[in-house]
Amino acid sequence: MRNKERWQELCELAAVEQDSEKLLALVQEINRLLDDKRNRLLNKQSGATESKTESDIGRNIEVQPRDQ
């Protein structure tokens, strides 16, 4: 991954943009990129939670002592 992500570069451009139509286009692209990033992170986090849950299923079983 680069040191500076594309959405950060676009934020720098938006900060100095004078043309309202260009600014709107920049903001829309920033929003799209951030939404994509959020979704990737949520999916990654969700996948890690599901994997952990599946691997822990057997660990949560209580063993009852047998009467002798």
C-alpha atoms as a PDB file:
ATOM      1  CA  MET A   1       0.000   0.000   0.000  1.00  0.00           C
ATOM      2  CA  ARG A   2       1.240   3.456  -0.775  1.00  0.00           C
ATOM      3  CA  ASN A   3       2.012   5.868   2.049  1.00  0.00           C
ATOM      4  CA  LYS A   4      -0.804   8.149   0.952  1.00  0.00           C
ATOM      5  CA  GLU A   5      -4.055   6.663  -0.240  1.00  0.00           C
ATOM      6  CA  ARG A   6      -5.956   8.008  -3.230  1.00  0.00           C
ATOM      7  CA  TRP A   7      -8.760   9.474  -1.089  1.00  0.00           C
ATOM      8  CA  GLN A   8      -6.168  11.506   0.825  1.00  0.00           C
ATOM      9  CA  GLU A   9      -4.735  12.864  -2.408  1.00  0.00           C
ATOM     10  CA  LEU A  10      -8.241  13.830  -3.535  1.00  0.00           C
ATOM     11  CA  CYS A  11      -8.869  15.588  -0.205  1.00  0.00           C
ATOM     12  CA  GLU A  12      -5.791  17.721  -0.802  1.00  0.00           C
ATOM     13  CA  LEU A  13      -7.081  18.628  -4.253  1.00  0.00           C
ATOM     14  CA  ALA A  14     -10.568  19.358  -2.904  1.00  0.00           C
ATOM     15  CA  ALA A  15      -9.156  21.658  -0.224  1.00  0.00           C
ATOM     16  CA  VAL A  16      -7.906  24.097  -2.875  1.00  0.00           C
ATOM     17  CA  GLU A  17     -10.430  23.519  -5.686  1.00  0.00           C
ATOM     18  CA  GLN A  18     -12.221  26.716  -6.722  1.00  0.00           C
ATOM     19  CA  ASP A  19     -14.613  25.287  -9.310  1.00  0.00           C
ATOM     20  CA  SER A  20     -17.785  24.060  -7.583  1.00  0.00           C
ATOM     21  CA  GLU A  21     -18.483  21.346 -10.177  1.00  0.00           C
ATOM     22  CA  LYS A  22     -14.951  19.966  -9.905  1.00  0.00           C
ATOM     23  CA  LEU A  23     -15.180  20.146  -6.109  1.00  0.00           C
ATOM     24  CA  LEU A  24     -18.431  18.195  -6.163  1.00  0.00           C
ATOM     25  CA  ALA A  25     -16.869  15.545  -8.401  1.00  0.00           C
ATOM     26  CA  LEU A  26     -13.868  15.259  -6.063  1.00  0.00           C
ATOM     27  CA  VAL A  27     -16.087  14.930  -2.985  1.00  0.00           C
ATOM     28  CA  GLN A  28     -18.216  12.266  -4.671  1.00  0.00           C
ATOM     29  CA  GLU A  29     -15.104  10.267  -5.566  1.00  0.00           C
ATOM     30  CA  ILE A  30     -13.733  10.643  -2.035  1.00  0.00           C
ATOM     31  CA  ASN A  31     -17.035   9.364  -0.629  1.00  0.00           C
ATOM     32  CA  ARG A  32     -17.027   6.406  -3.019  1.00  0.00           C
ATOM     33  CA  LEU A  33     -13.460   5.464  -2.124  1.00  0.00           C
ATOM     34  CA  LEU A  34     -14.136   5.737   1.606  1.00  0.00           C
ATOM     35  CA  ASP A  35     -17.345   3.687   1.312  1.00  0.00           C
ATOM     36  CA  ASP A  36     -15.399   0.990  -0.552  1.00  0.00           C
ATOM     37  CA  LYS A  37     -12.691   1.019   2.108  1.00  0.00           C
ATOM     38  CA  ARG A  38     -15.236   0.816   4.937  1.00  0.00           C
ATOM     39  CA  ASN A  39     -16.965  -2.125   3.259  1.00  0.00           C
ATOM     40  CA  ARG A  40     -13.650  -3.954   2.760  1.00  0.00           C
ATOM     41  CA  LEU A  41     -12.729  -3.433   6.409  1.00  0.00           C
ATOM     42  CA  LEU A  42     -16.155  -4.544   7.640  1.00  0.00           C
ATOM     43  CA  ASN A  43     -16.045  -7.639   5.449  1.00  0.00           C
ATOM     44  CA  LYS A  44     -12.533  -8.454   6.656  1.00  0.00           C
ATOM     45  CA  GLN A  45     -13.567  -7.943  10.270  1.00  0.00           C
ATOM     46  CA  SER A  46     -16.730  -9.994   9.777  1.00  0.00           C
ATOM     47  CA  GLY A  47     -14.753 -12.823   8.175  1.00  0.00           C
ATOM     48  CA  ALA A  48     -12.308 -12.898  11.100  1.00  0.00           C
ATOM     49  CA  THR A  49     -15.187 -12.998  13.593  1.00  0.00           C
ATOM     50  CA  GLU A  50     -16.904 -15.835  11.728  1.00  0.00           C
ATOM     51  CA  SER A  51     -13.688 -17.851  11.491  1.00  0.00           C
ATOM     52  CA  LYS A  52     -13.027 -17.441  15.194  1.00  0.00           C
ATOM     53  CA  THR A  53     -16.595 -18.365  16.072  1.00  0.00           C
ATOM     54  CA  GLU A  54     -16.429 -21.491  13.930  1.00  0.00           C
ATOM     55  CA  SER A  55     -13.128 -22.574  15.469  1.00  0.00           C
ATOM     56  CA  ASP A  56     -14.376 -21.955  19.001  1.00  0.00           C
ATOM     57  CA  ILE A  57     -17.570 -24.002  18.658  1.00  0.00           C
ATOM     58  CA  GLY A  58     -15.993 -27.150  20.074  1.00  0.00           C
ATOM     59  CA  ARG A  59     -14.386 -25.281  22.960  1.00  0.00           C
ATOM     60  CA  ASN A  60     -17.699 -24.126  24.412  1.00  0.00           C
ATOM     61  CA  ILE A  61     -19.139 -27.576  24.959  1.00  0.00           C
ATOM     62  CA  GLU A  62     -19.554 -28.444  28.616  1.00  0.00           C
ATOM     63  CA  VAL A  63     -18.752 -31.975  29.599  1.00  0.00           C
ATOM     64  CA  GLN A  64     -21.057 -33.364  32.275  1.00  0.00           C
ATOM     65  CA  PRO A  65     -19.557 -35.891  34.680  1.00  0.00           C
ATOM     66  CA  ARG A  66     -21.073 -39.356  34.414  1.00  0.00           C
ATOM     67  CA  ASP A  67     -22.706 -40.798  37.487  1.00  0.00           C
ATOM     68  CA  GLN A  68     -20.921 -43.926  38.650  1.00  0.00           C
END
